[in-house]
């Protein structure tokens, strides 16, 4: 479906004079030049966050376009309750019959491992040998029925004996796990592709710098304008075509062929983010994964992953604090931190974060994130970047909506009382908050209600030092990749060190298992 752009961008200036971008004009005499320098110095002195020189003459912001997550209506829980492959299985076919028998077998095995008379007193222990015997006895009738079904299809001449043996029945649970495995494989491959894209981007930077220097030289010494130099692009094909020039030599072969141009406004398909903001989102994801025992095939203790996410958020706040008042750092570089965080809050899995037992500390982190967001909006306004002329008209508005959605809905148990600060700051600094259908947790009624509350919001210079006393940041305490090899082995499934630690904790041999989890026993043998 073609992208449908908004008629009006989300962001619009409410302070036209302040947010107008005025092109510098050349001065013909020393007096005028001195006055210009004096005015520039005065402007820089007024700015709390970034000098104007830190972001002038920048190229347009590089974009990444993020698609909206599929809703439950569009994709029932990412396909867990449906699979196109399942729809292709005709009723009455051998595969269909074997799948139905596999479902019945699964239920029988579950009942054999968990008879009501044994469960009435709670959890009980059965050894592996007894569990295996129960599985075999419960499975046998269904395995025989499956074999009979295969023989009938072979006898009817619709399938050969070898083909019949190759058809294996799979219960719903196993098919669900298979679909999940496919999705996780796809996600894992996508992450590698993202890393590769990032590596390629880094690799070409030196060559992009060379191109820029050559253009600058022709602009300065050969009387070409900036527009004329930018209009001329390399017109040779890539190495696969032998580096030959285009047949017409007009620069169109390389310069005008683009498979996809990311929209600079929010559409029904997704929303634009800066490349720097997206890279920060990837970095946050990677840091969270470094602190996730599941991602490393480990178990340390229940809340370890949750504490790890809190540590990443604290480190993000510390990074923002380090840059926010550095006047030689571009405001877009500072905004990228907030942008990346907002994307993570919108797309991340927050179960571990929400379930960790230190709810008070987590709430303090959320409070600090709120102050960070309002400070970032003030910083963008000061640099005249909230306007129709901003690098991404819709970006700031949609990031604000995503941030509000997380804090008001996902984090609702924390009773955060400052979400109105974000709305009033957005209003005050010229960000237009227009609800988006895809962000269901923020509607016009909610925004109007928040506007009625409060009169002022916290100041970063006073709020962060207080927060830092209990949340210093810049920490790697929960970074699993920083552990020694010996320490990792104690918590990694399948290692002798882990098995020894578990036997010591349980005070018994490892030949016994709990009989409560039927998924631990497969009927595939």
Protein backbone atom coordinates (compact mmCIF):
# COMPACT_ATOMS: atom_id res chain seq x y z
CA UNK A 1 0.00 0.00 0.00
CA UNK A 2 1.37 3.43 -0.87
CA UNK A 3 2.31 5.69 2.01
CA UNK A 4 -0.21 8.41 2.73
CA UNK A 5 1.45 11.56 4.02
CA UNK A 6 -0.19 13.94 6.42
CA UNK A 7 -1.39 17.17 4.94
CA UNK A 8 0.11 19.06 7.87
CA UNK A 9 3.24 17.95 9.74
CA UNK A 10 2.94 17.31 13.46
CA UNK A 11 5.53 19.96 14.30
CA UNK A 12 4.80 23.64 13.76
CA UNK A 13 6.21 26.73 15.38
CA UNK A 14 4.19 28.80 17.80
CA UNK A 15 7.02 31.33 17.97
CA UNK A 16 7.67 32.25 14.36
CA UNK A 17 10.20 34.99 15.06
CA UNK A 18 12.35 32.85 17.35
CA UNK A 19 12.24 29.76 15.17
CA UNK A 20 12.90 31.45 11.84
CA UNK A 21 16.15 30.27 10.23
CA UNK A 22 17.90 33.34 8.83
CA UNK A 23 20.65 32.83 6.26
CA UNK A 24 23.87 34.74 7.09
CA UNK A 25 24.66 37.67 4.76
CA UNK A 26 28.11 38.83 3.72
CA UNK A 27 29.47 42.11 5.18
CA UNK A 28 31.51 44.59 3.18
CA UNK A 29 33.31 46.51 5.89
CA UNK A 30 35.11 45.94 9.15
CA UNK A 31 32.49 47.73 11.22
CA UNK A 32 29.73 45.47 9.99
CA UNK A 33 31.95 42.41 10.45
CA UNK A 34 32.74 43.40 14.02
CA UNK A 35 29.06 43.97 14.73
CA UNK A 36 28.21 40.55 13.28
CA UNK A 37 30.83 38.91 15.50
CA UNK A 38 29.54 40.79 18.53
CA UNK A 39 25.95 39.74 17.80
CA UNK A 40 27.02 36.12 17.33
CA UNK A 41 28.89 36.18 20.63
CA UNK A 42 25.86 37.67 22.37
CA UNK A 43 23.61 34.99 20.89
CA UNK A 44 26.00 32.25 21.98
CA UNK A 45 26.11 33.68 25.50
CA UNK A 46 22.32 33.54 25.71
CA UNK A 47 22.19 29.89 24.69
CA UNK A 48 22.26 27.44 27.60
CA UNK A 49 22.83 24.31 25.56
CA UNK A 50 24.51 24.68 22.15
CA UNK A 51 26.29 27.45 20.27
CA UNK A 52 24.76 28.23 16.86
CA UNK A 53 28.08 27.27 15.27
CA UNK A 54 27.72 23.70 16.49
CA UNK A 55 25.03 22.90 13.93
CA UNK A 56 25.24 25.41 11.08
CA UNK A 57 26.09 24.27 7.55
CA UNK A 58 25.12 20.68 8.39
CA UNK A 59 23.85 18.34 5.69
CA UNK A 60 20.21 17.19 5.96
CA UNK A 61 19.68 14.63 8.70
CA UNK A 62 20.07 11.05 7.50
CA UNK A 63 16.87 9.10 7.98
CA UNK A 64 15.66 5.70 9.02
CA UNK A 65 11.96 4.87 8.59
CA UNK A 66 10.51 2.63 11.31
CA UNK A 67 7.34 0.70 10.54
CA UNK A 68 4.57 0.64 13.11
CA UNK A 69 4.39 -2.64 15.06
CA UNK A 70 1.64 -4.93 13.80
CA UNK A 71 -1.53 -4.63 15.87
CA UNK A 72 -3.33 -7.63 17.32
CA UNK A 73 -6.00 -7.20 14.66
CA UNK A 74 -3.47 -7.20 11.83
CA UNK A 75 -1.31 -10.01 13.20
CA UNK A 76 -2.70 -12.14 16.00
CA UNK A 77 0.15 -12.05 18.51
CA UNK A 78 2.81 -12.15 15.79
CA UNK A 79 1.36 -15.30 14.31
CA UNK A 80 1.29 -17.45 17.44
CA UNK A 81 -2.34 -18.36 16.80
CA UNK A 82 -2.07 -18.79 13.08
CA UNK A 83 0.40 -19.76 10.40
CA UNK A 84 0.04 -19.53 6.62
CA UNK A 85 1.64 -22.97 6.40
CA UNK A 86 -1.18 -24.39 8.55
CA UNK A 87 -3.78 -22.95 6.21
CA UNK A 88 -2.22 -24.93 3.36
CA UNK A 89 -2.87 -28.28 5.11
CA UNK A 90 -6.09 -29.70 3.58
CA UNK A 91 -8.56 -31.30 5.98
CA UNK A 92 -8.45 -35.07 5.64
CA UNK A 93 -4.86 -35.13 4.37
CA UNK A 94 -2.28 -37.37 6.04
CA UNK A 95 -0.54 -34.35 7.59
CA UNK A 96 -3.85 -33.07 8.97
CA UNK A 97 -4.73 -36.47 10.50
CA UNK A 98 -1.27 -36.91 12.06
CA UNK A 99 -1.38 -33.40 13.54
CA UNK A 100 -4.75 -34.13 15.17
CA UNK A 101 -3.40 -37.38 16.63
CA UNK A 102 -0.32 -35.51 17.88
CA UNK A 103 -2.59 -33.08 19.76
CA UNK A 104 -4.42 -35.98 21.42
CA UNK A 105 -1.09 -37.60 22.27
CA UNK A 106 0.17 -34.38 23.87
CA UNK A 107 -2.89 -34.23 26.14
CA UNK A 108 -2.52 -37.88 27.11
CA UNK A 109 1.16 -37.42 28.01
CA UNK A 110 0.31 -34.33 30.07
CA UNK A 111 -2.32 -36.26 32.03
CA UNK A 112 0.04 -39.21 32.54
CA UNK A 113 2.75 -36.97 33.98
CA UNK A 114 0.32 -34.94 36.09
CA UNK A 115 -2.44 -37.24 37.45
CA UNK A 116 -4.85 -35.33 39.76
CA UNK A 117 -4.29 -37.70 42.69
CA UNK A 118 -0.56 -36.87 42.70
CA UNK A 119 -1.03 -33.13 42.33
CA UNK A 120 -3.55 -32.65 45.14
CA UNK A 121 -0.74 -32.13 47.66
CA UNK A 122 1.20 -29.77 45.39
CA UNK A 123 4.51 -30.31 43.60
CA UNK A 124 6.02 -33.79 43.64
CA UNK A 125 9.22 -35.35 42.32
CA UNK A 126 9.45 -38.28 39.89
CA UNK A 127 12.67 -39.71 38.55
CA UNK A 128 13.61 -39.66 34.89
CA UNK A 129 13.05 -43.39 34.38
CA UNK A 130 9.48 -43.29 35.63
CA UNK A 131 8.73 -40.18 33.56
CA UNK A 132 10.07 -41.89 30.43
CA UNK A 133 7.92 -44.97 31.11
CA UNK A 134 4.76 -42.87 31.52
CA UNK A 135 5.47 -41.00 28.30
CA UNK A 136 6.02 -44.23 26.34
CA UNK A 137 2.84 -45.85 27.68
CA UNK A 138 0.68 -42.78 27.01
CA UNK A 139 2.15 -42.25 23.53
CA UNK A 140 2.00 -45.84 22.28
CA UNK A 141 -1.71 -45.95 21.22
CA UNK A 142 -1.36 -42.73 19.25
CA UNK A 143 1.89 -43.81 17.59
CA UNK A 144 0.07 -46.98 16.45
CA UNK A 145 -2.84 -44.92 15.09
CA UNK A 146 -0.39 -42.72 13.18
CA UNK A 147 1.23 -45.77 11.62
CA UNK A 148 -2.19 -47.15 10.63
CA UNK A 149 -3.06 -43.84 8.97
CA UNK A 150 0.17 -43.93 6.94
CA UNK A 151 -0.55 -47.50 5.77
CA UNK A 152 -4.07 -46.54 4.62
CA UNK A 153 -2.75 -43.70 2.46
CA UNK A 154 -0.06 -45.98 0.99
CA UNK A 155 -2.64 -48.70 0.27
CA UNK A 156 -4.89 -46.17 -1.46
CA UNK A 157 -2.02 -45.34 -3.80
CA UNK A 158 -2.06 -41.61 -3.00
CA UNK A 159 1.42 -41.65 -1.49
CA UNK A 160 4.49 -43.91 -1.45
CA UNK A 161 5.75 -45.68 1.65
CA UNK A 162 8.83 -43.45 1.84
CA UNK A 163 6.73 -40.31 1.47
CA UNK A 164 4.38 -41.52 4.22
CA UNK A 165 7.27 -42.08 6.64
CA UNK A 166 8.49 -38.55 5.98
CA UNK A 167 5.19 -37.05 7.19
CA UNK A 168 5.43 -36.41 10.94
CA UNK A 169 2.57 -35.27 13.14
CA UNK A 170 3.14 -32.13 15.19
CA UNK A 171 0.92 -30.91 18.01
CA UNK A 172 -0.19 -27.29 18.29
CA UNK A 173 2.37 -26.50 20.99
CA UNK A 174 5.25 -27.79 18.89
CA UNK A 175 4.07 -25.89 15.80
CA UNK A 176 3.80 -22.75 17.92
CA UNK A 177 7.38 -23.22 19.14
CA UNK A 178 8.50 -23.76 15.56
CA UNK A 179 6.88 -20.51 14.45
CA UNK A 180 8.50 -18.75 17.39
CA UNK A 181 11.89 -20.20 16.44
CA UNK A 182 11.45 -18.93 12.87
CA UNK A 183 10.62 -15.43 14.11
CA UNK A 184 13.58 -15.41 16.48
CA UNK A 185 15.87 -16.59 13.69
CA UNK A 186 14.53 -13.80 11.48
CA UNK A 187 15.12 -11.26 14.24
CA UNK A 188 18.64 -12.59 14.87
CA UNK A 189 19.50 -12.34 11.17
CA UNK A 190 18.02 -8.83 11.06
CA UNK A 191 20.23 -7.76 13.96
CA UNK A 192 23.31 -9.01 12.11
CA UNK A 193 22.14 -7.14 9.01
CA UNK A 194 21.75 -3.96 11.08
CA UNK A 195 25.29 -4.36 12.41
CA UNK A 196 26.54 -4.93 8.87
CA UNK A 197 24.72 -1.82 7.63
CA UNK A 198 26.27 0.18 10.45
CA UNK A 199 29.73 -1.20 9.64
CA UNK A 200 29.30 -0.31 5.97
CA UNK A 201 28.20 3.20 6.94
CA UNK A 202 31.31 3.63 9.08
CA UNK A 203 33.53 2.22 6.33
CA UNK A 204 32.35 4.73 3.71
CA UNK A 205 32.72 7.80 5.95
CA UNK A 206 36.35 8.51 4.91
CA UNK A 207 35.33 8.45 1.25
CA UNK A 208 32.35 10.71 1.94
CA UNK A 209 34.75 13.15 3.62
CA UNK A 210 36.97 13.12 0.52
CA UNK A 211 33.99 13.87 -1.70
CA UNK A 212 32.98 16.74 0.58
CA UNK A 213 36.50 18.24 0.52
CA UNK A 214 36.63 18.05 -3.28
CA UNK A 215 33.25 19.76 -3.57
CA UNK A 216 34.32 22.47 -1.11
CA UNK A 217 37.48 23.09 -3.14
CA UNK A 218 35.56 23.47 -6.40
CA UNK A 219 33.10 25.78 -4.65
CA UNK A 220 35.88 27.98 -3.28
CA UNK A 221 38.32 28.07 -6.20
CA UNK A 222 36.31 27.23 -9.32
CA UNK A 223 33.30 29.53 -8.80
CA UNK A 224 30.72 26.76 -8.48
CA UNK A 225 27.84 27.28 -6.07
CA UNK A 226 27.01 24.81 -3.30
CA UNK A 227 23.89 23.75 -5.20
CA UNK A 228 25.90 23.12 -8.36
CA UNK A 229 28.50 20.98 -6.60
CA UNK A 230 25.82 18.93 -4.81
CA UNK A 231 23.99 18.33 -8.10
CA UNK A 232 27.00 16.54 -9.56
CA UNK A 233 27.29 12.96 -8.35
CA UNK A 234 29.57 10.05 -9.30
CA UNK A 235 28.29 8.52 -12.53
CA UNK A 236 30.10 5.18 -12.57
CA UNK A 237 28.51 1.84 -11.75
CA UNK A 238 29.63 -0.29 -8.82
CA UNK A 239 32.49 -2.79 -8.94
CA UNK A 240 30.16 -5.56 -10.12
CA UNK A 241 29.84 -3.73 -13.43
CA UNK A 242 33.55 -3.09 -13.80
CA UNK A 243 33.39 0.53 -12.74
CA UNK A 244 32.25 1.66 -16.19
CA UNK A 245 30.76 5.08 -16.66
CA UNK A 246 27.11 5.43 -17.49
CA UNK A 247 26.31 5.36 -21.19
CA UNK A 248 24.94 8.91 -21.22
CA UNK A 249 27.46 10.28 -18.75
CA UNK A 250 24.81 12.51 -17.19
CA UNK A 251 25.19 11.36 -13.61
CA UNK A 252 21.72 9.85 -13.46
CA UNK A 253 22.74 6.20 -13.24
CA UNK A 254 24.18 6.46 -9.76
CA UNK A 255 22.54 9.62 -8.55
CA UNK A 256 18.89 9.02 -9.31
CA UNK A 257 18.43 5.28 -8.71
CA UNK A 258 16.90 4.80 -5.30
CA UNK A 259 14.68 1.89 -4.35
CA UNK A 260 13.13 3.68 -1.40
CA UNK A 261 13.08 7.24 -0.16
CA UNK A 262 12.11 7.47 3.50
CA UNK A 263 9.21 9.89 4.08
CA UNK A 264 10.16 12.81 6.33
CA UNK A 265 6.71 12.79 7.95
CA UNK A 266 4.58 10.26 9.84
CA UNK A 267 2.50 8.02 7.57
CA UNK A 268 0.14 5.08 8.01
CA UNK A 269 3.14 2.77 7.52
CA UNK A 270 5.59 4.26 10.03
CA UNK A 271 7.55 7.26 11.22
CA UNK A 272 10.93 8.86 10.46
CA UNK A 273 13.85 8.94 12.88
CA UNK A 274 17.34 10.27 12.41
CA UNK A 275 20.10 7.78 11.65
CA UNK A 276 21.88 8.97 14.81
CA UNK A 277 18.75 8.34 16.89
CA UNK A 278 18.29 4.90 15.37
CA UNK A 279 21.93 4.02 16.05
CA UNK A 280 21.40 5.03 19.68
CA UNK A 281 18.34 2.76 19.83
CA UNK A 282 20.45 -0.13 18.49
CA UNK A 283 23.15 0.66 21.06
CA UNK A 284 20.63 0.64 23.93
CA UNK A 285 19.27 -2.70 22.71
CA UNK A 286 22.76 -4.15 22.59
CA UNK A 287 23.54 -2.92 26.10
CA UNK A 288 20.31 -4.45 27.42
CA UNK A 289 21.15 -7.76 25.74
CA UNK A 290 24.58 -7.76 27.39
CA UNK A 291 22.73 -7.80 30.71
CA UNK A 292 20.10 -10.42 29.81
CA UNK A 293 20.98 -13.91 31.12
CA UNK A 294 18.46 -15.54 28.73
CA UNK A 295 20.37 -14.12 25.76
CA UNK A 296 23.52 -15.84 27.03
CA UNK A 297 21.95 -19.19 27.95
CA UNK A 298 22.35 -18.39 31.64
CA UNK A 299 20.39 -18.09 34.86
CA UNK A 300 21.83 -15.89 37.61
CA UNK A 301 18.84 -14.77 39.72
CA UNK A 302 15.28 -13.67 39.03
CA UNK A 303 15.68 -9.90 38.85
CA UNK A 304 19.14 -9.77 37.25
CA UNK A 305 17.85 -8.79 33.79
CA UNK A 306 15.57 -6.12 35.28
CA UNK A 307 18.41 -4.55 37.23
CA UNK A 308 20.45 -4.67 34.03
CA UNK A 309 17.86 -2.62 32.13
CA UNK A 310 17.77 -0.07 34.95
CA UNK A 311 21.56 0.19 34.71
CA UNK A 312 21.33 0.88 30.96
CA UNK A 313 18.76 3.63 31.57
CA UNK A 314 20.97 5.16 34.28
CA UNK A 315 23.92 5.09 31.89
CA UNK A 316 21.80 6.80 29.22
CA UNK A 317 20.90 9.56 31.66
CA UNK A 318 24.57 9.97 32.58
CA UNK A 319 25.50 10.27 28.91
CA UNK A 320 22.81 12.91 28.37
CA UNK A 321 24.07 14.84 31.41
CA UNK A 322 27.62 14.73 30.04
CA UNK A 323 26.60 16.33 26.73
CA UNK A 324 23.59 18.54 27.41
CA UNK A 325 25.49 21.68 28.46
CA UNK A 326 28.44 21.24 26.08
CA UNK A 327 27.94 24.17 23.73
CA UNK A 328 30.20 22.77 21.02
CA UNK A 329 28.03 19.64 20.66
CA UNK A 330 25.24 19.79 18.09
CA UNK A 331 21.70 19.80 19.53
CA UNK A 332 20.83 17.01 17.09
CA UNK A 333 23.54 14.84 18.65
CA UNK A 334 21.99 15.48 22.07
CA UNK A 335 18.49 14.83 20.75
CA UNK A 336 19.65 11.49 19.30
CA UNK A 337 20.05 10.17 22.86
CA UNK A 338 16.45 11.03 23.72
CA UNK A 339 15.23 9.83 20.34
CA UNK A 340 16.97 6.44 20.69
CA UNK A 341 15.58 6.02 24.21
CA UNK A 342 12.03 6.84 23.06
CA UNK A 343 12.25 4.25 20.27
CA UNK A 344 13.48 1.66 22.78
CA UNK A 345 10.61 2.43 25.16
CA UNK A 346 8.17 2.05 22.25
CA UNK A 347 9.57 -1.18 20.79
CA UNK A 348 11.38 -2.97 23.62
CA UNK A 349 10.21 -5.90 25.75
CA UNK A 350 9.85 -4.42 29.25
CA UNK A 351 8.74 -7.45 31.27
CA UNK A 352 12.06 -7.73 33.15
CA UNK A 353 12.16 -3.98 33.83
CA UNK A 354 8.61 -3.84 35.19
CA UNK A 355 8.92 -6.99 37.29
CA UNK A 356 12.17 -6.20 39.12
CA UNK A 357 11.67 -5.88 42.87
CA UNK A 358 13.25 -2.43 43.22
CA UNK A 359 10.15 -0.53 42.12
CA UNK A 360 11.17 2.57 44.07
CA UNK A 361 14.52 2.83 42.27
CA UNK A 362 12.88 2.17 38.90
CA UNK A 363 10.35 4.92 39.57
CA UNK A 364 13.19 7.34 40.33
CA UNK A 365 14.77 6.48 36.98
CA UNK A 366 11.46 7.14 35.19
CA UNK A 367 11.19 10.51 36.96
CA UNK A 368 14.67 11.45 35.75
CA UNK A 369 13.77 10.41 32.20
CA UNK A 370 10.83 12.82 32.34
CA UNK A 371 13.12 15.72 33.27
CA UNK A 372 15.51 14.68 30.51
CA UNK A 373 12.73 14.80 27.92
CA UNK A 374 11.45 18.27 28.86
CA UNK A 375 15.05 19.54 28.95
CA UNK A 376 15.64 18.16 25.46
CA UNK A 377 12.56 19.97 24.14
CA UNK A 378 13.83 23.24 25.62
CA UNK A 379 17.24 22.62 24.04
CA UNK A 380 15.72 22.03 20.59
CA UNK A 381 13.58 25.16 20.89
CA UNK A 382 16.60 27.25 21.86
CA UNK A 383 18.37 26.11 18.69
CA UNK A 384 15.33 26.91 16.50
CA UNK A 385 14.83 23.23 15.64
CA UNK A 386 11.13 22.99 16.45
CA UNK A 387 9.57 24.43 13.33
CA UNK A 388 8.47 23.55 9.83
CA UNK A 389 12.10 24.11 8.79
CA UNK A 390 13.41 21.52 11.28
CA UNK A 391 15.29 18.49 9.90
CA UNK A 392 12.28 16.26 10.64
CA UNK A 393 8.97 18.12 11.04
CA UNK A 394 7.11 15.14 12.54
CA UNK A 395 9.96 13.50 14.42
CA UNK A 396 9.81 15.49 17.65
CA UNK A 397 6.03 15.21 17.90
CA UNK A 398 5.90 11.45 17.38
CA UNK A 399 8.81 10.87 19.79
CA UNK A 400 6.87 12.84 22.41
CA UNK A 401 3.76 10.72 21.84
CA UNK A 402 5.75 7.46 22.09
CA UNK A 403 7.43 8.64 25.29
CA UNK A 404 4.07 9.63 26.81
CA UNK A 405 2.52 6.31 25.79
CA UNK A 406 5.16 4.35 27.69
CA UNK A 407 5.10 6.51 30.82
CA UNK A 408 1.30 6.84 31.05
CA UNK A 409 0.42 3.25 30.11
CA UNK A 410 3.26 0.72 30.27
CA UNK A 411 4.60 2.35 33.45
CA UNK A 412 1.15 3.17 34.88
CA UNK A 413 1.78 1.13 38.06
CA UNK A 414 4.43 3.66 39.09
CA UNK A 415 1.86 6.48 39.43
CA UNK A 416 4.09 9.02 37.68
CA UNK A 417 2.67 12.47 38.36
CA UNK A 418 4.74 14.47 35.87
CA UNK A 419 3.43 13.35 32.46
CA UNK A 420 1.62 16.69 32.24
CA UNK A 421 5.07 18.35 32.32
CA UNK A 422 5.90 16.75 28.97
CA UNK A 423 2.65 17.94 27.37
CA UNK A 424 2.98 21.49 28.70
CA UNK A 425 6.65 21.64 27.68
CA UNK A 426 5.74 20.47 24.18
CA UNK A 427 3.02 23.12 23.96
CA UNK A 428 5.31 25.82 25.30
CA UNK A 429 8.17 25.04 22.95
CA UNK A 430 6.07 24.74 19.81
CA UNK A 431 5.68 20.97 19.39
CA UNK A 432 2.27 20.12 17.96
CA UNK A 433 0.93 16.95 19.61
CA UNK A 434 -1.57 15.46 17.21
CA UNK A 435 -2.70 11.95 18.27
CA UNK A 436 -1.73 9.17 15.88
CA UNK A 437 -4.01 6.19 15.33
CA UNK A 438 -1.14 3.72 15.68
CA UNK A 439 -0.26 5.05 19.16
CA UNK A 440 -3.44 3.91 20.86
CA UNK A 441 -2.43 4.85 24.40
CA UNK A 442 -2.45 8.61 23.77
CA UNK A 443 -5.63 10.31 22.55
CA UNK A 444 -6.86 13.89 22.46
CA UNK A 445 -8.88 13.51 25.66
CA UNK A 446 -5.78 12.38 27.56
CA UNK A 447 -3.69 15.28 26.23
CA UNK A 448 -6.37 17.83 27.12
CA UNK A 449 -6.65 16.41 30.64
CA UNK A 450 -2.87 16.59 31.17
CA UNK A 451 -2.83 20.22 30.02
CA UNK A 452 -5.03 21.17 32.99
CA UNK A 453 -2.48 19.97 35.55
CA UNK A 454 0.60 21.71 36.92
CA UNK A 455 2.25 25.04 36.23
CA UNK A 456 6.00 24.39 35.90
CA UNK A 457 8.42 21.52 35.44
CA UNK A 458 11.72 20.40 36.98
CA UNK A 459 15.10 21.81 36.01
CA UNK A 460 17.83 19.39 34.88
CA UNK A 461 20.65 21.30 36.61
CA UNK A 462 19.01 20.86 40.00
CA UNK A 463 17.19 17.55 39.46
CA UNK A 464 19.99 15.39 38.05
CA UNK A 465 22.60 15.98 40.81
CA UNK A 466 20.03 14.82 43.39
CA UNK A 467 19.19 11.78 41.27
CA UNK A 468 22.86 10.95 40.70
CA UNK A 469 23.48 10.41 44.42
CA UNK A 470 21.52 7.16 44.26
CA UNK A 471 22.02 6.44 40.55
CA UNK A 472 25.59 7.33 39.54
CA UNK A 473 25.40 5.80 36.05
CA UNK A 474 28.33 4.84 33.79
CA UNK A 475 28.25 1.37 35.35
CA UNK A 476 28.87 -2.15 34.01
CA UNK A 477 27.94 -4.09 37.15
CA UNK A 478 25.32 -6.17 35.31
CA UNK A 479 27.22 -6.50 32.02
CA UNK A 480 27.59 -10.26 31.52
CA UNK A 481 30.24 -9.75 28.84
CA UNK A 482 32.47 -8.26 31.56
CA UNK A 483 32.33 -11.45 33.65
CA UNK A 484 35.31 -13.79 33.78
CA UNK A 485 35.10 -17.10 31.93
CA UNK A 486 34.99 -19.01 35.22
CA UNK A 487 32.19 -16.84 36.60
CA UNK A 488 30.11 -17.25 33.43
CA UNK A 489 30.50 -21.03 33.56
CA UNK A 490 28.82 -21.19 36.99
CA UNK A 491 25.61 -19.72 35.57
CA UNK A 492 25.60 -21.17 32.03
CA UNK A 493 23.24 -24.07 31.33
CA UNK A 494 24.95 -27.32 30.36
CA UNK A 495 28.35 -26.62 31.91
CA UNK A 496 29.77 -28.88 34.60
CA UNK A 497 30.27 -25.81 36.81
CA UNK A 498 26.57 -24.96 36.53
CA UNK A 499 25.52 -28.55 37.22
CA UNK A 500 27.78 -28.71 40.27
CA UNK A 501 26.38 -25.42 41.60
CA UNK A 502 22.80 -26.65 41.11
CA UNK A 503 23.52 -29.95 42.88
CA UNK A 504 25.05 -28.03 45.75
CA UNK A 505 22.02 -25.73 45.96
CA UNK A 506 19.52 -28.61 45.80
CA UNK A 507 21.55 -30.93 47.99
CA UNK A 508 20.70 -33.92 45.81
CA UNK A 509 21.65 -35.82 42.65
CA UNK A 510 20.74 -34.32 39.29
CA UNK A 511 18.91 -37.54 38.20
CA UNK A 512 15.59 -36.24 39.48
CA UNK A 513 13.35 -33.72 37.80
CA UNK A 514 10.07 -32.05 38.60
CA UNK A 515 7.10 -33.70 36.93
CA UNK A 516 5.06 -30.50 36.69
CA UNK A 517 6.29 -29.37 33.26
CA UNK A 518 5.10 -31.66 30.44
CA UNK A 519 6.97 -29.56 27.90
CA UNK A 520 10.17 -31.02 29.32
CA UNK A 521 9.14 -34.41 27.96
CA UNK A 522 8.68 -34.89 24.25
CA UNK A 523 6.74 -37.65 22.57
CA UNK A 524 9.03 -37.50 19.55
CA UNK A 525 11.20 -40.47 20.56
